[in-house]
């Protein structure tokens, strides 16, 4: 059985930042890459505005390469405070995402209502 699965949400640590993406440490064996297109689903001018080396973040696994111990990762719809405006793809994400972020959305909406 594989250690990691597609669509699984895990915590990783940012190890390096390049103009095209973010390299992460997943565990003692696996590393990961978040391509710039998988950060928030919109155009990003500077990745450094989103992440710093050493940040611990939640990511969704897009692909697993068991031979190389590498994962392709995404933070689309997982970034705190992000409002990407993208519709969730039911066939891609399913409803598992709601279990992960529903309370965050509720809390944000309550804060917005209380401000007004």
Foldseek 3Di string as FASTA:
>chain_A
DDPDDAFDKAKWFFADDDPQWTKTDRDPQAIETEGPCQEANDDDPDCVVPDDGGDIAIWGFHDADPVRRYTYTHCHVPRQPDDSVDDDDCVRNNCVVCVVCVVSVVVVVVVVVVVD
